Amino acid sequence: MANRRNGALYTGVTSDLSRRAHEHREGLVPGFTARYGCKSLVWYERYEAMTDAIAREKQIKAGSRARKMALIEAMNPQWQDLYETLAL
């Protein structure tokens, strides 16, 4: 999630991306995303096993901001909000 292009970035894990993205967009969850206005889903990966998703989340969070930006730019160079493209 991001608040704008090159702005604040949030990385998380969930078993229901559509629901969780909606919660962030509507400010229903207090914390980082609400505080910094991170409402745009600009990048995501899907995993079958939650253990794999959690391991990947930790890897991403341990990486540099430049690596996170590169992931977003590779998938979504225009930083479009991908929420509407999810199969709800």
PDB file of N, CA and C in Angstrom:
ATOM      1  N   MET A   1       0.859  -1.163   0.000  1.00  0.00           N
ATOM      2  CA  MET A   1       0.000   0.000   0.000  1.00  0.00           C
ATOM      3  C   MET A   1       0.906   1.227   0.000  1.00  0.00           C
ATOM      4  N   ALA A   2       0.424   2.290  -0.641  1.00  0.00           N
ATOM      5  CA  ALA A   2       1.198   3.536  -0.693  1.00  0.00           C
ATOM      6  C   ALA A   2       0.243   4.721  -0.569  1.00  0.00           C
ATOM      7  N   ASN A   3       0.789   5.844  -0.133  1.00  0.00           N
ATOM      8  CA  ASN A   3      -0.044   7.045  -0.058  1.00  0.00           C
ATOM      9  C   ASN A   3       0.069   7.891  -1.324  1.00  0.00           C
ATOM     10  N   ARG A   4       1.146   7.721  -2.068  1.00  0.00           N
ATOM     11  CA  ARG A   4       1.343   8.412  -3.352  1.00  0.00           C
ATOM     12  C   ARG A   4       2.598   7.840  -4.000  1.00  0.00           C
ATOM     13  N   ARG A   5       2.833   8.191  -5.226  1.00  0.00           N
ATOM     14  CA  ARG A   5       4.033   7.740  -5.923  1.00  0.00           C
ATOM     15  C   ARG A   5       5.260   8.188  -5.129  1.00  0.00           C
ATOM     16  N   ASN A   6       6.162   7.267  -4.864  1.00  0.00           N
ATOM     17  CA  ASN A   6       7.395   7.522  -4.120  1.00  0.00           C
ATOM     18  C   ASN A   6       7.145   7.994  -2.685  1.00  0.00           C
ATOM     19  N   GLY A   7       5.961   7.742  -2.161  1.00  0.00           N
ATOM     20  CA  GLY A   7       5.620   8.173  -0.811  1.00  0.00           C
ATOM     21  C   GLY A   7       5.820   7.067   0.212  1.00  0.00           C
ATOM     22  N   ALA A   8       4.999   7.116   1.260  1.00  0.00           N
ATOM     23  CA  ALA A   8       5.066   6.112   2.326  1.00  0.00           C
ATOM     24  C   ALA A   8       4.611   4.764   1.774  1.00  0.00           C
ATOM     25  N   LEU A   9       5.300   3.706   2.199  1.00  0.00           N
ATOM     26  CA  LEU A   9       4.997   2.348   1.751  1.00  0.00           C
ATOM     27  C   LEU A   9       4.669   1.460   2.941  1.00  0.00           C
ATOM     28  N   TYR A  10       3.685   0.592   2.757  1.00  0.00           N
ATOM     29  CA  TYR A  10       3.312  -0.379   3.789  1.00  0.00           C
ATOM     30  C   TYR A  10       3.349  -1.773   3.175  1.00  0.00           C
ATOM     31  N   THR A  11       3.965  -2.694   3.867  1.00  0.00           N
ATOM     32  CA  THR A  11       4.010  -4.094   3.454  1.00  0.00           C
ATOM     33  C   THR A  11       3.329  -4.929   4.516  1.00  0.00           C
ATOM     34  N   GLY A  12       2.434  -5.801   4.096  1.00  0.00           N
ATOM     35  CA  GLY A  12       1.728  -6.656   5.040  1.00  0.00           C
ATOM     36  C   GLY A  12       1.374  -7.982   4.407  1.00  0.00           C
ATOM     37  N   VAL A  13       0.759  -8.832   5.194  1.00  0.00           N
ATOM     38  CA  VAL A  13       0.335 -10.141   4.715  1.00  0.00           C
ATOM     39  C   VAL A  13      -1.101 -10.375   5.170  1.00  0.00           C
ATOM     40  N   THR A  14      -1.881 -11.055   4.333  1.00  0.00           N
ATOM     41  CA  THR A  14      -3.280 -11.330   4.650  1.00  0.00           C
ATOM     42  C   THR A  14      -3.736 -12.573   3.894  1.00  0.00           C
ATOM     43  N   SER A  15      -4.782 -13.189   4.408  1.00  0.00           N
ATOM     44  CA  SER A  15      -5.373 -14.328   3.708  1.00  0.00           C
ATOM     45  C   SER A  15      -6.512 -13.877   2.791  1.00  0.00           C
ATOM     46  N   ASP A  16      -6.877 -12.586   2.845  1.00  0.00           N
ATOM     47  CA  ASP A  16      -7.960 -12.047   2.022  1.00  0.00           C
ATOM     48  C   ASP A  16      -7.564 -10.641   1.562  1.00  0.00           C
ATOM     49  N   LEU A  17      -6.878 -10.569   0.424  1.00  0.00           N
ATOM     50  CA  LEU A  17      -6.327  -9.302  -0.059  1.00  0.00           C
ATOM     51  C   LEU A  17      -7.415  -8.269  -0.340  1.00  0.00           C
ATOM     52  N   SER A  18      -8.503  -8.678  -0.958  1.00  0.00           N
ATOM     53  CA  SER A  18      -9.573  -7.731  -1.275  1.00  0.00           C
ATOM     54  C   SER A  18     -10.131  -7.081  -0.010  1.00  0.00           C
ATOM     55  N   ARG A  19     -10.418  -7.900   0.995  1.00  0.00           N
ATOM     56  CA  ARG A  19     -10.960  -7.381   2.255  1.00  0.00           C
ATOM     57  C   ARG A  19      -9.969  -6.454   2.934  1.00  0.00           C
ATOM     58  N   ARG A  20      -8.714  -6.896   3.011  1.00  0.00           N
ATOM     59  CA  ARG A  20      -7.701  -6.115   3.721  1.00  0.00           C
ATOM     60  C   ARG A  20      -7.418  -4.794   3.018  1.00  0.00           C
ATOM     61  N   ALA A  21      -7.332  -4.823   1.699  1.00  0.00           N
ATOM     62  CA  ALA A  21      -7.108  -3.587   0.946  1.00  0.00           C
ATOM     63  C   ALA A  21      -8.280  -2.624   1.165  1.00  0.00           C
ATOM     64  N   HIS A  22      -9.491  -3.153   1.172  1.00  0.00           N
ATOM     65  CA  HIS A  22     -10.680  -2.321   1.432  1.00  0.00           C
ATOM     66  C   HIS A  22     -10.576  -1.671   2.811  1.00  0.00           C
ATOM     67  N   GLU A  23     -10.187  -2.438   3.817  1.00  0.00           N
ATOM     68  CA  GLU A  23     -10.044  -1.896   5.171  1.00  0.00           C
ATOM     69  C   GLU A  23      -9.035  -0.753   5.209  1.00  0.00           C
ATOM     70  N   HIS A  24      -7.916  -0.915   4.511  1.00  0.00           N
ATOM     71  CA  HIS A  24      -6.909   0.148   4.470  1.00  0.00           C
ATOM     72  C   HIS A  24      -7.443   1.367   3.720  1.00  0.00           C
ATOM     73  N   ARG A  25      -8.112   1.142   2.604  1.00  0.00           N
ATOM     74  CA  ARG A  25      -8.645   2.246   1.796  1.00  0.00           C
ATOM     75  C   ARG A  25      -9.656   3.087   2.572  1.00  0.00           C
ATOM     76  N   GLU A  26     -10.446   2.421   3.396  1.00  0.00           N
ATOM     77  CA  GLU A  26     -11.495   3.108   4.141  1.00  0.00           C
ATOM     78  C   GLU A  26     -11.032   3.599   5.509  1.00  0.00           C
ATOM     79  N   GLY A  27      -9.783   3.331   5.858  1.00  0.00           N
ATOM     80  CA  GLY A  27      -9.254   3.763   7.147  1.00  0.00           C
ATOM     81  C   GLY A  27      -9.872   3.037   8.323  1.00  0.00           C
ATOM     82  N   LEU A  28     -10.303   1.803   8.113  1.00  0.00           N
ATOM     83  CA  LEU A  28     -10.966   1.028   9.154  1.00  0.00           C
ATOM     84  C   LEU A  28     -10.005   0.401  10.154  1.00  0.00           C
ATOM     85  N   VAL A  29      -8.715   0.385   9.817  1.00  0.00           N
ATOM     86  CA  VAL A  29      -7.712  -0.235  10.675  1.00  0.00           C
ATOM     87  C   VAL A  29      -6.765   0.846  11.189  1.00  0.00           C
ATOM     88  N   PRO A  30      -6.753   1.077  12.502  1.00  0.00           N
ATOM     89  CA  PRO A  30      -5.814   2.080  13.018  1.00  0.00           C
ATOM     90  C   PRO A  30      -4.374   1.578  12.872  1.00  0.00           C
ATOM     91  N   GLY A  31      -3.463   2.492  12.731  1.00  0.00           N
ATOM     92  CA  GLY A  31      -2.059   2.113  12.614  1.00  0.00           C
ATOM     93  C   GLY A  31      -1.370   2.869  11.497  1.00  0.00           C
ATOM     94  N   PHE A  32      -0.319   2.282  10.967  1.00  0.00           N
ATOM     95  CA  PHE A  32       0.544   2.930   9.989  1.00  0.00           C
ATOM     96  C   PHE A  32      -0.218   3.426   8.764  1.00  0.00           C
ATOM     97  N   THR A  33      -1.026   2.548   8.153  1.00  0.00           N
ATOM     98  CA  THR A  33      -1.696   2.941   6.906  1.00  0.00           C
ATOM     99  C   THR A  33      -2.681   4.088   7.131  1.00  0.00           C
ATOM    100  N   ALA A  34      -3.388   4.063   8.236  1.00  0.00           N
ATOM    101  CA  ALA A  34      -4.318   5.158   8.539  1.00  0.00           C
ATOM    102  C   ALA A  34      -3.559   6.441   8.840  1.00  0.00           C
ATOM    103  N   ARG A  35      -2.484   6.328   9.610  1.00  0.00           N
ATOM    104  CA  ARG A  35      -1.698   7.504  10.002  1.00  0.00           C
ATOM    105  C   ARG A  35      -1.067   8.190   8.790  1.00  0.00           C
ATOM    106  N   TYR A  36      -0.580   7.390   7.834  1.00  0.00           N
ATOM    107  CA  TYR A  36       0.123   7.952   6.675  1.00  0.00           C
ATOM    108  C   TYR A  36      -0.731   7.998   5.411  1.00  0.00           C
ATOM    109  N   GLY A  37      -1.992   7.600   5.501  1.00  0.00           N
ATOM    110  CA  GLY A  37      -2.889   7.679   4.356  1.00  0.00           C
ATOM    111  C   GLY A  37      -2.542   6.722   3.235  1.00  0.00           C
ATOM    112  N   CYS A  38      -2.030   5.555   3.563  1.00  0.00           N
ATOM    113  CA  CYS A  38      -1.679   4.548   2.549  1.00  0.00           C
ATOM    114  C   CYS A  38      -2.958   3.837   2.113  1.00  0.00           C
ATOM    115  N   LYS A  39      -3.538   4.294   1.014  1.00  0.00           N
ATOM    116  CA  LYS A  39      -4.821   3.774   0.551  1.00  0.00           C
ATOM    117  C   LYS A  39      -4.758   3.126  -0.821  1.00  0.00           C
ATOM    118  N   SER A  40      -3.632   3.224  -1.503  1.00  0.00           N
ATOM    119  CA  SER A  40      -3.519   2.663  -2.846  1.00  0.00           C
ATOM    120  C   SER A  40      -2.756   1.344  -2.821  1.00  0.00           C
ATOM    121  N   LEU A  41      -3.364   0.326  -3.405  1.00  0.00           N
ATOM    122  CA  LEU A  41      -2.705  -0.965  -3.559  1.00  0.00           C
ATOM    123  C   LEU A  41      -1.855  -0.874  -4.823  1.00  0.00           C
ATOM    124  N   VAL A  42      -0.546  -0.759  -4.659  1.00  0.00           N
ATOM    125  CA  VAL A  42       0.325  -0.544  -5.814  1.00  0.00           C
ATOM    126  C   VAL A  42       1.139  -1.777  -6.199  1.00  0.00           C
ATOM    127  N   TRP A  43       1.092  -2.819  -5.373  1.00  0.00           N
ATOM    128  CA  TRP A  43       1.864  -4.028  -5.664  1.00  0.00           C
ATOM    129  C   TRP A  43       1.377  -5.149  -4.766  1.00  0.00           C
ATOM    130  N   TYR A  44       1.413  -6.383  -5.274  1.00  0.00           N
ATOM    131  CA  TYR A  44       1.099  -7.541  -4.443  1.00  0.00           C
ATOM    132  C   TYR A  44       1.644  -8.817  -5.077  1.00  0.00           C
ATOM    133  N   GLU A  45       1.782  -9.819  -4.263  1.00  0.00           N
ATOM    134  CA  GLU A  45       2.127 -11.180  -4.692  1.00  0.00           C
ATOM    135  C   GLU A  45       1.144 -12.111  -4.002  1.00  0.00           C
ATOM    136  N   ARG A  46       0.797 -13.196  -4.661  1.00  0.00           N
ATOM    137  CA  ARG A  46      -0.096 -14.201  -4.066  1.00  0.00           C
ATOM    138  C   ARG A  46       0.686 -15.484  -3.810  1.00  0.00           C
ATOM    139  N   TYR A  47       0.368 -16.128  -2.693  1.00  0.00           N
ATOM    140  CA  TYR A  47       0.991 -17.388  -2.309  1.00  0.00           C
ATOM    141  C   TYR A  47      -0.086 -18.365  -1.865  1.00  0.00           C
ATOM    142  N   GLU A  48       0.117 -19.631  -2.153  1.00  0.00           N
ATOM    143  CA  GLU A  48      -0.816 -20.672  -1.724  1.00  0.00           C
ATOM    144  C   GLU A  48      -0.710 -20.909  -0.219  1.00  0.00           C
ATOM    145  N   ALA A  49       0.498 -20.919   0.297  1.00  0.00           N
ATOM    146  CA  ALA A  49       0.719 -21.224   1.717  1.00  0.00           C
ATOM    147  C   ALA A  49       1.036 -19.943   2.493  1.00  0.00           C
ATOM    148  N   MET A  50       0.356 -19.768   3.616  1.00  0.00           N
ATOM    149  CA  MET A  50       0.579 -18.584   4.442  1.00  0.00           C
ATOM    150  C   MET A  50       2.023 -18.535   4.938  1.00  0.00           C
ATOM    151  N   THR A  51       2.620 -19.667   5.221  1.00  0.00           N
ATOM    152  CA  THR A  51       4.015 -19.676   5.686  1.00  0.00           C
ATOM    153  C   THR A  51       4.943 -19.072   4.630  1.00  0.00           C
ATOM    154  N   ASP A  52       4.669 -19.342   3.355  1.00  0.00           N
ATOM    155  CA  ASP A  52       5.473 -18.763   2.274  1.00  0.00           C
ATOM    156  C   ASP A  52       5.250 -17.252   2.187  1.00  0.00           C
ATOM    157  N   ALA A  53       4.003 -16.833   2.364  1.00  0.00           N
ATOM    158  CA  ALA A  53       3.679 -15.403   2.315  1.00  0.00           C
ATOM    159  C   ALA A  53       4.370 -14.650   3.447  1.00  0.00           C
ATOM    160  N   ILE A  54       4.363 -15.226   4.632  1.00  0.00           N
ATOM    161  CA  ILE A  54       5.002 -14.582   5.789  1.00  0.00           C
ATOM    162  C   ILE A  54       6.510 -14.500   5.592  1.00  0.00           C
ATOM    163  N   ALA A  55       7.098 -15.552   5.068  1.00  0.00           N
ATOM    164  CA  ALA A  55       8.546 -15.542   4.806  1.00  0.00           C
ATOM    165  C   ALA A  55       8.898 -14.454   3.796  1.00  0.00           C
ATOM    166  N   ARG A  56       8.075 -14.314   2.756  1.00  0.00           N
ATOM    167  CA  ARG A  56       8.321 -13.291   1.740  1.00  0.00           C
ATOM    168  C   ARG A  56       8.129 -11.886   2.322  1.00  0.00           C
ATOM    169  N   GLU A  57       7.110 -11.709   3.167  1.00  0.00           N
ATOM    170  CA  GLU A  57       6.893 -10.414   3.817  1.00  0.00           C
ATOM    171  C   GLU A  57       8.127 -10.017   4.621  1.00  0.00           C
ATOM    172  N   LYS A  58       8.668 -10.934   5.378  1.00  0.00           N
ATOM    173  CA  LYS A  58       9.864 -10.644   6.177  1.00  0.00           C
ATOM    174  C   LYS A  58      11.043 -10.279   5.292  1.00  0.00           C
ATOM    175  N   GLN A  59      11.183 -10.982   4.165  1.00  0.00           N
ATOM    176  CA  GLN A  59      12.265 -10.693   3.230  1.00  0.00           C
ATOM    177  C   GLN A  59      12.124  -9.276   2.662  1.00  0.00           C
ATOM    178  N   ILE A  60      10.908  -8.919   2.283  1.00  0.00           N
ATOM    179  CA  ILE A  60      10.669  -7.590   1.718  1.00  0.00           C
ATOM    180  C   ILE A  60      10.909  -6.506   2.767  1.00  0.00           C
ATOM    181  N   LYS A  61      10.390  -6.700   3.967  1.00  0.00           N
ATOM    182  CA  LYS A  61      10.569  -5.707   5.023  1.00  0.00           C
ATOM    183  C   LYS A  61      12.026  -5.518   5.398  1.00  0.00           C
ATOM    184  N   ALA A  62      12.830  -6.569   5.253  1.00  0.00           N
ATOM    185  CA  ALA A  62      14.257  -6.479   5.571  1.00  0.00           C
ATOM    186  C   ALA A  62      15.045  -5.787   4.464  1.00  0.00           C
ATOM    187  N   GLY A  63      14.444  -5.662   3.292  1.00  0.00           N
ATOM    188  CA  GLY A  63      15.134  -5.047   2.157  1.00  0.00           C
ATOM    189  C   GLY A  63      15.116  -3.533   2.222  1.00  0.00           C
ATOM    190  N   SER A  64      15.852  -2.947   1.347  1.00  0.00           N
ATOM    191  CA  SER A  64      15.948  -1.487   1.293  1.00  0.00           C
ATOM    192  C   SER A  64      14.718  -0.883   0.627  1.00  0.00           C
ATOM    193  N   ARG A  65      14.540   0.394   0.851  1.00  0.00           N
ATOM    194  CA  ARG A  65      13.459   1.113   0.176  1.00  0.00           C
ATOM    195  C   ARG A  65      13.628   1.039  -1.340  1.00  0.00           C
ATOM    196  N   ALA A  66      14.865   1.112  -1.805  1.00  0.00           N
ATOM    197  CA  ALA A  66      15.130   1.044  -3.241  1.00  0.00           C
ATOM    198  C   ALA A  66      14.654  -0.291  -3.825  1.00  0.00           C
ATOM    199  N   ARG A  67      14.829  -1.373  -3.088  1.00  0.00           N
ATOM    200  CA  ARG A  67      14.364  -2.684  -3.570  1.00  0.00           C
ATOM    201  C   ARG A  67      12.841  -2.741  -3.606  1.00  0.00           C
ATOM    202  N   LYS A  68      12.193  -2.144  -2.611  1.00  0.00           N
ATOM    203  CA  LYS A  68      10.731  -2.104  -2.597  1.00  0.00           C
ATOM    204  C   LYS A  68      10.217  -1.276  -3.779  1.00  0.00           C
ATOM    205  N   MET A  69      10.857  -0.152  -4.032  1.00  0.00           N
ATOM    206  CA  MET A  69      10.465   0.693  -5.153  1.00  0.00           C
ATOM    207  C   MET A  69      10.646  -0.054  -6.481  1.00  0.00           C
ATOM    208  N   ALA A  70      11.724  -0.821  -6.593  1.00  0.00           N
ATOM    209  CA  ALA A  70      11.973  -1.584  -7.817  1.00  0.00           C
ATOM    210  C   ALA A  70      10.895  -2.644  -8.036  1.00  0.00           C
ATOM    211  N   LEU A  71      10.432  -3.280  -6.964  1.00  0.00           N
ATOM    212  CA  LEU A  71       9.344  -4.254  -7.087  1.00  0.00           C
ATOM    213  C   LEU A  71       8.081  -3.581  -7.625  1.00  0.00           C
ATOM    214  N   ILE A  72       7.752  -2.432  -7.081  1.00  0.00           N
ATOM    215  CA  ILE A  72       6.558  -1.705  -7.526  1.00  0.00           C
ATOM    216  C   ILE A  72       6.718  -1.279  -8.977  1.00  0.00           C
ATOM    217  N   GLU A  73       7.847  -0.677  -9.299  1.00  0.00           N
ATOM    218  CA  GLU A  73       8.083  -0.180 -10.661  1.00  0.00           C
ATOM    219  C   GLU A  73       8.040  -1.295 -11.704  1.00  0.00           C
ATOM    220  N   ALA A  74       8.495  -2.503 -11.340  1.00  0.00           N
ATOM    221  CA  ALA A  74       8.495  -3.619 -12.281  1.00  0.00           C
ATOM    222  C   ALA A  74       7.070  -4.087 -12.588  1.00  0.00           C
ATOM    223  N   MET A  75       6.212  -4.098 -11.580  1.00  0.00           N
ATOM    224  CA  MET A  75       4.843  -4.582 -11.760  1.00  0.00           C
ATOM    225  C   MET A  75       3.895  -3.463 -12.174  1.00  0.00           C
ATOM    226  N   ASN A  76       4.148  -2.259 -11.685  1.00  0.00           N
ATOM    227  CA  ASN A  76       3.192  -1.168 -11.813  1.00  0.00           C
ATOM    228  C   ASN A  76       3.924   0.163 -11.996  1.00  0.00           C
ATOM    229  N   PRO A  77       4.551   0.368 -13.154  1.00  0.00           N
ATOM    230  CA  PRO A  77       5.381   1.570 -13.336  1.00  0.00           C
ATOM    231  C   PRO A  77       4.621   2.888 -13.214  1.00  0.00           C
ATOM    232  N   GLN A  78       3.313   2.862 -13.396  1.00  0.00           N
ATOM    233  CA  GLN A  78       2.514   4.089 -13.279  1.00  0.00           C
ATOM    234  C   GLN A  78       1.965   4.302 -11.872  1.00  0.00           C
ATOM    235  N   TRP A  79       2.235   3.364 -10.978  1.00  0.00           N
ATOM    236  CA  TRP A  79       1.768   3.427  -9.593  1.00  0.00           C
ATOM    237  C   TRP A  79       0.236   3.547  -9.551  1.00  0.00           C
ATOM    238  N   GLN A  80      -0.433   2.835 -10.418  1.00  0.00           N
ATOM    239  CA  GLN A  80      -1.889   2.835 -10.413  1.00  0.00           C
ATOM    240  C   GLN A  80      -2.414   2.054  -9.222  1.00  0.00           C
ATOM    241  N   ASP A  81      -3.582   2.415  -8.736  1.00  0.00           N
ATOM    242  CA  ASP A  81      -4.225   1.677  -7.666  1.00  0.00           C
ATOM    243  C   ASP A  81      -4.773   0.383  -8.261  1.00  0.00           C
ATOM    244  N   LEU A  82      -4.250  -0.743  -7.811  1.00  0.00           N
ATOM    245  CA  LEU A  82      -4.610  -2.043  -8.374  1.00  0.00           C
ATOM    246  C   LEU A  82      -5.835  -2.662  -7.706  1.00  0.00           C
ATOM    247  N   TYR A  83      -6.401  -1.994  -6.741  1.00  0.00           N
ATOM    248  CA  TYR A  83      -7.535  -2.549  -6.003  1.00  0.00           C
ATOM    249  C   TYR A  83      -8.672  -2.966  -6.926  1.00  0.00           C
ATOM    250  N   GLU A  84      -9.013  -2.116  -7.867  1.00  0.00           N
ATOM    251  CA  GLU A  84     -10.136  -2.391  -8.769  1.00  0.00           C
ATOM    252  C   GLU A  84      -9.842  -3.559  -9.711  1.00  0.00           C
ATOM    253  N   THR A  85      -8.598  -3.948  -9.874  1.00  0.00           N
ATOM    254  CA  THR A  85      -8.253  -5.048 -10.777  1.00  0.00           C
ATOM    255  C   THR A  85      -8.293  -6.405 -10.070  1.00  0.00           C
ATOM    256  N   LEU A  86      -8.463  -6.395  -8.762  1.00  0.00           N
ATOM    257  CA  LEU A  86      -8.537  -7.666  -8.021  1.00  0.00           C
ATOM    258  C   LEU A  86      -9.831  -8.389  -8.366  1.00  0.00           C
ATOM    259  N   ALA A  87      -9.765  -9.689  -8.433  1.00  0.00           N
ATOM    260  CA  ALA A  87     -10.979 -10.482  -8.630  1.00  0.00           C
ATOM    261  C   ALA A  87     -11.694 -10.548  -7.294  1.00  0.00           C
ATOM    262  N   LEU A  88     -12.633  -9.684  -7.091  1.00  0.00           N
ATOM    263  CA  LEU A  88     -13.339  -9.589  -5.819  1.00  0.00           C
ATOM    264  C   LEU A  88     -14.304 -10.690  -5.751  1.00  0.00           C
TER     265      LEU A  88
END
